[in-house]
Amino acid sequence: MASGEYLRSGELARLAGVSADTLRHYERIKLLPAPKRSAGNYRMYPPGVLDRVRLIRRALGVGFSLAELVKILKVRDGGGAPCRQVKRLLEEKLIQVNEQITELIAMREHLGTVLEDWDRRLEATPDGKPARLLESLTAAPHLKGKTV
C-alpha cells in the first residue's frame, strides 16, 4: 500500500485483523470517521485509519469498553488530552481485576472444600446408590449466604 492510498473496507479489515462489520460498527458509534465513497459506492478509508483501528483493538484488549473509547477519542479528536482520564480508567480496571482474582481464589478454595466433602460422601455411599452430591450444596453450612 503506497502512502496516501485509500483502503477499501475489506482491505482495512484484513490489515487490522477485524471484520468489515466491525469497521461499520465503529463508524456507526463514531469511533471511526465516515469514510469517503468510491464511484462504485465502496467505503474508502484513508491509510491513517489503520492505526486508529489498531489503537482501538489494543485498548479493548486491556479492558476499555467501546463506550469509554468513544468518549476518550472524542476528546482527543477535539484537540483535548484525556490522558489523566485514561489513566484513572485503567487504574479502576486494575482494581476490578484484583477484586475478581480475589473472588476467583475464594471460589477455587470453596470448590476444593466441596470436592473434599464429595469424596467423603462418595466413599460412604454404596455403589449404585445416590450420594445426593448436588443436594449437599444447599445443606452445606459453609455455603449459606454465598453466591459462589
N, C-alpha and C. Protein backbone atom coordinates (compact mmCIF):
# COMPACT_ATOMS: atom_id res chain seq x y z
N MET A 1 0.86 -1.18 0.00
CA MET A 1 0.00 0.00 0.00
C MET A 1 0.90 1.24 0.00
N ALA A 2 0.74 2.06 -0.99
CA ALA A 2 1.53 3.29 -1.07
C ALA A 2 0.96 4.34 -0.12
N SER A 3 1.84 5.20 0.38
CA SER A 3 1.40 6.24 1.30
C SER A 3 0.38 7.13 0.60
N GLY A 4 -0.70 7.42 1.28
CA GLY A 4 -1.72 8.29 0.71
C GLY A 4 -2.82 7.52 -0.01
N GLU A 5 -2.65 6.21 -0.23
CA GLU A 5 -3.69 5.41 -0.88
C GLU A 5 -4.83 5.16 0.08
N TYR A 6 -6.02 5.19 -0.46
CA TYR A 6 -7.18 4.86 0.35
C TYR A 6 -7.37 3.36 0.36
N LEU A 7 -7.95 2.87 1.45
CA LEU A 7 -8.18 1.44 1.60
C LEU A 7 -9.67 1.14 1.54
N ARG A 8 -10.03 0.10 0.81
CA ARG A 8 -11.40 -0.37 0.85
C ARG A 8 -11.60 -1.06 2.20
N SER A 9 -12.86 -1.15 2.62
CA SER A 9 -13.14 -1.69 3.95
C SER A 9 -12.62 -3.12 4.11
N GLY A 10 -12.72 -3.95 3.08
CA GLY A 10 -12.24 -5.32 3.18
C GLY A 10 -10.73 -5.37 3.41
N GLU A 11 -10.00 -4.51 2.70
CA GLU A 11 -8.54 -4.48 2.87
C GLU A 11 -8.16 -3.94 4.24
N LEU A 12 -8.83 -2.89 4.68
CA LEU A 12 -8.57 -2.34 6.01
C LEU A 12 -8.88 -3.38 7.08
N ALA A 13 -9.99 -4.06 6.92
CA ALA A 13 -10.38 -5.09 7.89
C ALA A 13 -9.31 -6.18 7.95
N ARG A 14 -8.83 -6.63 6.80
CA ARG A 14 -7.81 -7.68 6.76
C ARG A 14 -6.53 -7.21 7.44
N LEU A 15 -6.08 -6.02 7.12
CA LEU A 15 -4.85 -5.49 7.70
C LEU A 15 -4.96 -5.28 9.21
N ALA A 16 -6.15 -4.91 9.67
CA ALA A 16 -6.36 -4.63 11.09
C ALA A 16 -6.75 -5.89 11.88
N GLY A 17 -7.09 -6.96 11.18
CA GLY A 17 -7.49 -8.19 11.86
C GLY A 17 -8.89 -8.14 12.43
N VAL A 18 -9.77 -7.41 11.78
CA VAL A 18 -11.17 -7.32 12.20
C VAL A 18 -12.06 -7.62 10.99
N SER A 19 -13.35 -7.66 11.21
CA SER A 19 -14.27 -7.86 10.09
C SER A 19 -14.74 -6.51 9.55
N ALA A 20 -15.25 -6.54 8.33
CA ALA A 20 -15.82 -5.32 7.75
C ALA A 20 -17.02 -4.87 8.58
N ASP A 21 -17.75 -5.82 9.15
CA ASP A 21 -18.87 -5.47 10.03
C ASP A 21 -18.37 -4.68 11.25
N THR A 22 -17.23 -5.08 11.78
CA THR A 22 -16.64 -4.35 12.92
C THR A 22 -16.34 -2.92 12.52
N LEU A 23 -15.76 -2.73 11.34
CA LEU A 23 -15.46 -1.37 10.87
C LEU A 23 -16.73 -0.54 10.75
N ARG A 24 -17.79 -1.14 10.19
CA ARG A 24 -19.06 -0.41 10.06
C ARG A 24 -19.62 -0.06 11.45
N HIS A 25 -19.47 -0.99 12.39
CA HIS A 25 -19.94 -0.71 13.76
C HIS A 25 -19.15 0.45 14.36
N TYR A 26 -17.84 0.43 14.22
CA TYR A 26 -17.01 1.52 14.73
C TYR A 26 -17.41 2.84 14.10
N GLU A 27 -17.75 2.80 12.83
CA GLU A 27 -18.18 4.00 12.13
C GLU A 27 -19.52 4.49 12.69
N ARG A 28 -20.47 3.56 12.91
CA ARG A 28 -21.79 3.93 13.45
C ARG A 28 -21.69 4.58 14.82
N ILE A 29 -20.78 4.07 15.67
CA ILE A 29 -20.68 4.63 17.03
C ILE A 29 -19.67 5.77 17.11
N LYS A 30 -19.17 6.17 15.98
CA LYS A 30 -18.29 7.35 15.86
C LYS A 30 -16.87 7.13 16.36
N LEU A 31 -16.42 5.87 16.41
CA LEU A 31 -15.00 5.62 16.70
C LEU A 31 -14.16 5.88 15.46
N LEU A 32 -14.77 5.67 14.31
CA LEU A 32 -14.10 5.96 13.04
C LEU A 32 -14.90 7.02 12.30
N PRO A 33 -14.21 7.91 11.60
CA PRO A 33 -14.93 8.90 10.80
C PRO A 33 -15.61 8.21 9.62
N ALA A 34 -16.68 8.81 9.15
CA ALA A 34 -17.35 8.27 7.96
C ALA A 34 -16.37 8.32 6.80
N PRO A 35 -16.16 7.20 6.12
CA PRO A 35 -15.20 7.19 5.02
C PRO A 35 -15.79 7.83 3.77
N LYS A 36 -14.92 8.23 2.88
CA LYS A 36 -15.44 8.71 1.60
C LYS A 36 -15.87 7.50 0.79
N ARG A 37 -16.61 7.74 -0.26
CA ARG A 37 -17.13 6.64 -1.08
C ARG A 37 -16.53 6.70 -2.48
N SER A 38 -16.27 5.53 -3.03
CA SER A 38 -15.76 5.43 -4.39
C SER A 38 -16.91 5.61 -5.37
N ALA A 39 -16.59 5.66 -6.64
CA ALA A 39 -17.62 5.78 -7.67
C ALA A 39 -18.57 4.59 -7.60
N GLY A 40 -18.07 3.44 -7.18
CA GLY A 40 -18.90 2.24 -7.03
C GLY A 40 -19.54 2.14 -5.66
N ASN A 41 -19.49 3.20 -4.87
CA ASN A 41 -20.06 3.31 -3.53
C ASN A 41 -19.36 2.43 -2.48
N TYR A 42 -18.10 2.08 -2.74
CA TYR A 42 -17.32 1.36 -1.74
C TYR A 42 -16.80 2.34 -0.71
N ARG A 43 -16.72 1.89 0.54
CA ARG A 43 -16.12 2.72 1.58
C ARG A 43 -14.62 2.80 1.30
N MET A 44 -14.08 4.00 1.36
CA MET A 44 -12.65 4.23 1.12
C MET A 44 -12.07 4.98 2.32
N TYR A 45 -11.22 4.26 3.05
CA TYR A 45 -10.64 4.81 4.27
C TYR A 45 -9.24 5.34 4.01
N PRO A 46 -8.90 6.49 4.60
CA PRO A 46 -7.52 6.98 4.48
C PRO A 46 -6.60 6.03 5.25
N PRO A 47 -5.32 5.93 4.86
CA PRO A 47 -4.42 4.96 5.49
C PRO A 47 -4.24 5.16 6.99
N GLY A 48 -4.39 6.35 7.52
CA GLY A 48 -4.24 6.60 8.94
C GLY A 48 -5.28 5.89 9.79
N VAL A 49 -6.38 5.48 9.18
CA VAL A 49 -7.44 4.80 9.91
C VAL A 49 -6.96 3.43 10.39
N LEU A 50 -6.02 2.83 9.69
CA LEU A 50 -5.48 1.54 10.12
C LEU A 50 -4.87 1.67 11.52
N ASP A 51 -4.10 2.72 11.74
CA ASP A 51 -3.52 2.93 13.08
C ASP A 51 -4.62 3.15 14.12
N ARG A 52 -5.66 3.83 13.74
CA ARG A 52 -6.78 4.09 14.66
C ARG A 52 -7.46 2.77 15.05
N VAL A 53 -7.71 1.90 14.08
CA VAL A 53 -8.35 0.61 14.37
C VAL A 53 -7.44 -0.22 15.26
N ARG A 54 -6.16 -0.22 14.98
CA ARG A 54 -5.22 -0.97 15.82
C ARG A 54 -5.19 -0.42 17.24
N LEU A 55 -5.24 0.89 17.39
CA LEU A 55 -5.29 1.52 18.71
C LEU A 55 -6.56 1.08 19.45
N ILE A 56 -7.69 1.08 18.76
CA ILE A 56 -8.96 0.66 19.37
C ILE A 56 -8.85 -0.79 19.82
N ARG A 57 -8.30 -1.65 18.99
CA ARG A 57 -8.19 -3.07 19.33
C ARG A 57 -7.28 -3.29 20.54
N ARG A 58 -6.18 -2.56 20.59
CA ARG A 58 -5.27 -2.69 21.75
C ARG A 58 -5.95 -2.20 23.02
N ALA A 59 -6.68 -1.08 22.91
CA ALA A 59 -7.38 -0.54 24.08
C ALA A 59 -8.47 -1.51 24.56
N LEU A 60 -9.18 -2.12 23.64
CA LEU A 60 -10.18 -3.13 24.01
C LEU A 60 -9.49 -4.31 24.69
N GLY A 61 -8.30 -4.65 24.21
CA GLY A 61 -7.56 -5.78 24.75
C GLY A 61 -7.12 -5.61 26.20
N VAL A 62 -6.99 -4.37 26.65
CA VAL A 62 -6.63 -4.15 28.06
C VAL A 62 -7.84 -3.77 28.90
N GLY A 63 -9.03 -3.88 28.31
CA GLY A 63 -10.23 -3.73 29.11
C GLY A 63 -11.07 -2.49 28.91
N PHE A 64 -10.66 -1.57 28.04
CA PHE A 64 -11.51 -0.41 27.79
C PHE A 64 -12.74 -0.87 27.01
N SER A 65 -13.88 -0.25 27.28
CA SER A 65 -15.10 -0.57 26.55
C SER A 65 -15.20 0.35 25.33
N LEU A 66 -16.05 -0.05 24.40
CA LEU A 66 -16.27 0.81 23.22
C LEU A 66 -16.83 2.16 23.66
N ALA A 67 -17.75 2.15 24.62
CA ALA A 67 -18.34 3.41 25.08
C ALA A 67 -17.27 4.32 25.69
N GLU A 68 -16.36 3.75 26.45
CA GLU A 68 -15.27 4.55 27.03
C GLU A 68 -14.39 5.11 25.92
N LEU A 69 -14.09 4.29 24.93
CA LEU A 69 -13.23 4.74 23.83
C LEU A 69 -13.89 5.84 23.02
N VAL A 70 -15.20 5.75 22.84
CA VAL A 70 -15.91 6.81 22.11
C VAL A 70 -15.70 8.15 22.82
N LYS A 71 -15.87 8.16 24.15
CA LYS A 71 -15.70 9.41 24.91
C LYS A 71 -14.25 9.90 24.86
N ILE A 72 -13.33 8.98 25.07
CA ILE A 72 -11.90 9.35 25.09
C ILE A 72 -11.46 9.91 23.75
N LEU A 73 -11.81 9.19 22.68
CA LEU A 73 -11.34 9.61 21.35
C LEU A 73 -12.06 10.87 20.87
N LYS A 74 -13.27 11.10 21.36
CA LYS A 74 -13.95 12.35 21.01
C LYS A 74 -13.18 13.54 21.58
N VAL A 75 -12.76 13.42 22.83
CA VAL A 75 -11.96 14.47 23.46
C VAL A 75 -10.65 14.64 22.70
N ARG A 76 -10.01 13.53 22.43
CA ARG A 76 -8.72 13.55 21.73
C ARG A 76 -8.85 14.16 20.33
N ASP A 77 -9.89 13.76 19.59
CA ASP A 77 -10.10 14.28 18.24
C ASP A 77 -10.44 15.77 18.25
N GLY A 78 -11.01 16.22 19.37
CA GLY A 78 -11.33 17.64 19.51
C GLY A 78 -10.15 18.47 19.98
N GLY A 79 -8.98 17.86 20.06
CA GLY A 79 -7.78 18.59 20.45
C GLY A 79 -7.46 18.50 21.93
N GLY A 80 -8.28 17.78 22.68
CA GLY A 80 -8.05 17.63 24.11
C GLY A 80 -7.02 16.55 24.41
N ALA A 81 -6.65 16.50 25.68
CA ALA A 81 -5.68 15.50 26.14
C ALA A 81 -6.31 14.72 27.30
N PRO A 82 -7.02 13.63 26.99
CA PRO A 82 -7.71 12.87 28.04
C PRO A 82 -6.80 11.90 28.81
N CYS A 83 -5.52 12.18 28.84
CA CYS A 83 -4.55 11.23 29.40
C CYS A 83 -4.84 10.88 30.86
N ARG A 84 -5.14 11.87 31.69
CA ARG A 84 -5.39 11.58 33.10
C ARG A 84 -6.67 10.76 33.28
N GLN A 85 -7.67 11.06 32.46
CA GLN A 85 -8.92 10.28 32.49
C GLN A 85 -8.64 8.83 32.08
N VAL A 86 -7.84 8.64 31.06
CA VAL A 86 -7.49 7.30 30.58
C VAL A 86 -6.74 6.54 31.67
N LYS A 87 -5.82 7.22 32.33
CA LYS A 87 -5.06 6.58 33.41
C LYS A 87 -5.98 6.18 34.56
N ARG A 88 -6.90 7.07 34.95
CA ARG A 88 -7.86 6.76 36.01
C ARG A 88 -8.71 5.54 35.65
N LEU A 89 -9.17 5.50 34.41
CA LEU A 89 -9.98 4.36 33.97
C LEU A 89 -9.19 3.06 34.06
N LEU A 90 -7.93 3.11 33.66
CA LEU A 90 -7.12 1.89 33.72
C LEU A 90 -6.84 1.49 35.17
N GLU A 91 -6.65 2.48 36.05
CA GLU A 91 -6.47 2.17 37.48
C GLU A 91 -7.72 1.47 38.02
N GLU A 92 -8.90 1.95 37.62
CA GLU A 92 -10.14 1.31 38.06
C GLU A 92 -10.23 -0.12 37.53
N LYS A 93 -9.80 -0.33 36.31
CA LYS A 93 -9.82 -1.67 35.72
C LYS A 93 -8.88 -2.61 36.49
N LEU A 94 -7.73 -2.10 36.89
CA LEU A 94 -6.80 -2.91 37.66
C LEU A 94 -7.41 -3.29 39.01
N ILE A 95 -8.08 -2.35 39.65
CA ILE A 95 -8.76 -2.63 40.92
C ILE A 95 -9.81 -3.72 40.71
N GLN A 96 -10.59 -3.61 39.65
CA GLN A 96 -11.62 -4.61 39.35
C GLN A 96 -11.00 -5.99 39.10
N VAL A 97 -9.91 -6.02 38.35
CA VAL A 97 -9.24 -7.30 38.07
C VAL A 97 -8.73 -7.92 39.37
N ASN A 98 -8.14 -7.11 40.24
CA ASN A 98 -7.66 -7.62 41.52
C ASN A 98 -8.81 -8.17 42.36
N GLU A 99 -9.96 -7.48 42.34
CA GLU A 99 -11.13 -7.98 43.07
C GLU A 99 -11.61 -9.31 42.48
N GLN A 100 -11.61 -9.40 41.15
CA GLN A 100 -12.02 -10.65 40.50
C GLN A 100 -11.06 -11.78 40.85
N ILE A 101 -9.78 -11.48 40.90
CA ILE A 101 -8.80 -12.50 41.27
C ILE A 101 -9.06 -12.99 42.69
N THR A 102 -9.32 -12.05 43.60
CA THR A 102 -9.62 -12.41 44.99
C THR A 102 -10.85 -13.31 45.04
N GLU A 103 -11.90 -12.95 44.29
CA GLU A 103 -13.11 -13.77 44.24
C GLU A 103 -12.83 -15.14 43.64
N LEU A 104 -12.02 -15.20 42.60
CA LEU A 104 -11.69 -16.48 41.98
C LEU A 104 -10.88 -17.37 42.92
N ILE A 105 -9.97 -16.77 43.67
CA ILE A 105 -9.20 -17.55 44.65
C ILE A 105 -10.15 -18.13 45.69
N ALA A 106 -11.09 -17.32 46.18
CA ALA A 106 -12.07 -17.81 47.16
C ALA A 106 -12.92 -18.92 46.54
N MET A 107 -13.30 -18.76 45.28
CA MET A 107 -14.08 -19.78 44.60
C MET A 107 -13.27 -21.07 44.46
N ARG A 108 -12.01 -20.96 44.12
CA ARG A 108 -11.14 -22.14 44.00
C ARG A 108 -11.07 -22.88 45.33
N GLU A 109 -10.88 -22.13 46.41
CA GLU A 109 -10.80 -22.75 47.74
C GLU A 109 -12.13 -23.42 48.09
N HIS A 110 -13.22 -22.75 47.78
CA HIS A 110 -14.54 -23.30 48.07
C HIS A 110 -14.76 -24.60 47.28
N LEU A 111 -14.43 -24.57 46.00
CA LEU A 111 -14.60 -25.77 45.18
C LEU A 111 -13.76 -26.93 45.71
N GLY A 112 -12.56 -26.63 46.16
CA GLY A 112 -11.71 -27.67 46.76
C GLY A 112 -12.36 -28.27 47.99
N THR A 113 -12.96 -27.42 48.82
CA THR A 113 -13.66 -27.89 50.02
C THR A 113 -14.85 -28.77 49.65
N VAL A 114 -15.62 -28.32 48.65
CA VAL A 114 -16.78 -29.10 48.20
C VAL A 114 -16.32 -30.45 47.66
N LEU A 115 -15.26 -30.47 46.88
CA LEU A 115 -14.76 -31.74 46.34
C LEU A 115 -14.30 -32.68 47.44
N GLU A 116 -13.65 -32.15 48.45
CA GLU A 116 -13.24 -32.99 49.58
C GLU A 116 -14.47 -33.60 50.26
N ASP A 117 -15.51 -32.78 50.45
CA ASP A 117 -16.75 -33.26 51.06
C ASP A 117 -17.37 -34.34 50.17
N TRP A 118 -17.39 -34.11 48.87
CA TRP A 118 -17.98 -35.08 47.96
C TRP A 118 -17.19 -36.39 47.95
N ASP A 119 -15.87 -36.29 48.04
CA ASP A 119 -15.06 -37.51 48.12
C ASP A 119 -15.47 -38.34 49.33
N ARG A 120 -15.63 -37.67 50.49
CA ARG A 120 -16.05 -38.38 51.71
C ARG A 120 -17.44 -38.99 51.53
N ARG A 121 -18.36 -38.23 50.93
CA ARG A 121 -19.72 -38.73 50.71
C ARG A 121 -19.70 -39.96 49.79
N LEU A 122 -18.93 -39.88 48.72
CA LEU A 122 -18.87 -41.00 47.77
C LEU A 122 -18.25 -42.23 48.40
N GLU A 123 -17.25 -42.04 49.23
CA GLU A 123 -16.63 -43.18 49.92
C GLU A 123 -17.63 -43.86 50.85
N ALA A 124 -18.53 -43.08 51.43
CA ALA A 124 -19.51 -43.63 52.37
C ALA A 124 -20.78 -44.13 51.68
N THR A 125 -20.90 -43.93 50.38
CA THR A 125 -22.10 -44.31 49.64
C THR A 125 -21.86 -45.63 48.91
N PRO A 126 -22.71 -46.62 49.14
CA PRO A 126 -22.55 -47.90 48.42
C PRO A 126 -22.71 -47.70 46.91
N ASP A 127 -22.00 -48.53 46.14
CA ASP A 127 -22.11 -48.47 44.69
C ASP A 127 -23.57 -48.62 44.27
N GLY A 128 -23.96 -47.84 43.30
CA GLY A 128 -25.32 -47.92 42.79
C GLY A 128 -26.33 -47.09 43.56
N LYS A 129 -25.93 -46.54 44.69
CA LYS A 129 -26.83 -45.71 45.49
C LYS A 129 -26.49 -44.24 45.25
N PRO A 130 -27.50 -43.37 45.26
CA PRO A 130 -27.23 -41.94 45.04
C PRO A 130 -26.55 -41.31 46.26
N ALA A 131 -25.56 -40.50 45.99
CA ALA A 131 -24.88 -39.78 47.07
C ALA A 131 -25.49 -38.41 47.30
N ARG A 132 -26.34 -37.98 46.39
CA ARG A 132 -27.01 -36.67 46.51
C ARG A 132 -26.01 -35.53 46.68
N LEU A 133 -25.04 -35.53 45.78
CA LEU A 133 -23.98 -34.52 45.87
C LEU A 133 -24.51 -33.10 45.68
N LEU A 134 -25.32 -32.91 44.66
CA LEU A 134 -25.83 -31.56 44.42
C LEU A 134 -26.73 -31.08 45.56
N GLU A 135 -27.50 -32.00 46.14
CA GLU A 135 -28.34 -31.61 47.27
C GLU A 135 -27.49 -31.17 48.46
N SER A 136 -26.29 -31.71 48.57
CA SER A 136 -25.43 -31.34 49.69
C SER A 136 -24.98 -29.88 49.59
N LEU A 137 -25.04 -29.32 48.42
CA LEU A 137 -24.64 -27.91 48.27
C LEU A 137 -25.56 -26.99 49.05
N THR A 138 -26.86 -27.25 49.01
CA THR A 138 -27.79 -26.36 49.70
C THR A 138 -27.75 -26.57 51.21
N ALA A 139 -27.32 -27.76 51.63
CA ALA A 139 -27.29 -28.05 53.07
C ALA A 139 -25.96 -27.67 53.70
N ALA A 140 -24.95 -27.44 52.91
CA ALA A 140 -23.62 -27.18 53.45
C ALA A 140 -23.59 -25.85 54.19
N PRO A 141 -23.16 -25.87 55.48
CA PRO A 141 -23.14 -24.63 56.27
C PRO A 141 -22.15 -23.61 55.72
N HIS A 142 -21.08 -24.05 55.07
CA HIS A 142 -20.09 -23.09 54.56
C HIS A 142 -20.60 -22.37 53.32
N LEU A 143 -21.78 -22.74 52.78
CA LEU A 143 -22.32 -22.10 51.60
C LEU A 143 -23.42 -21.11 51.91
N LYS A 144 -23.94 -21.12 53.10
CA LYS A 144 -25.08 -20.26 53.41
C LYS A 144 -24.74 -18.80 53.16
N GLY A 145 -25.60 -18.19 52.35
CA GLY A 145 -25.43 -16.77 52.07
C GLY A 145 -24.40 -16.45 51.00
N LYS A 146 -23.72 -17.47 50.47
CA LYS A 146 -22.73 -17.22 49.42
C LYS A 146 -23.37 -17.40 48.06
N THR A 147 -22.89 -16.65 47.10
CA THR A 147 -23.41 -16.75 45.75
C THR A 147 -22.38 -17.34 44.80
N VAL A 148 -21.50 -18.17 45.34
CA VAL A 148 -20.47 -18.79 44.50
C VAL A 148 -20.99 -20.02 43.83
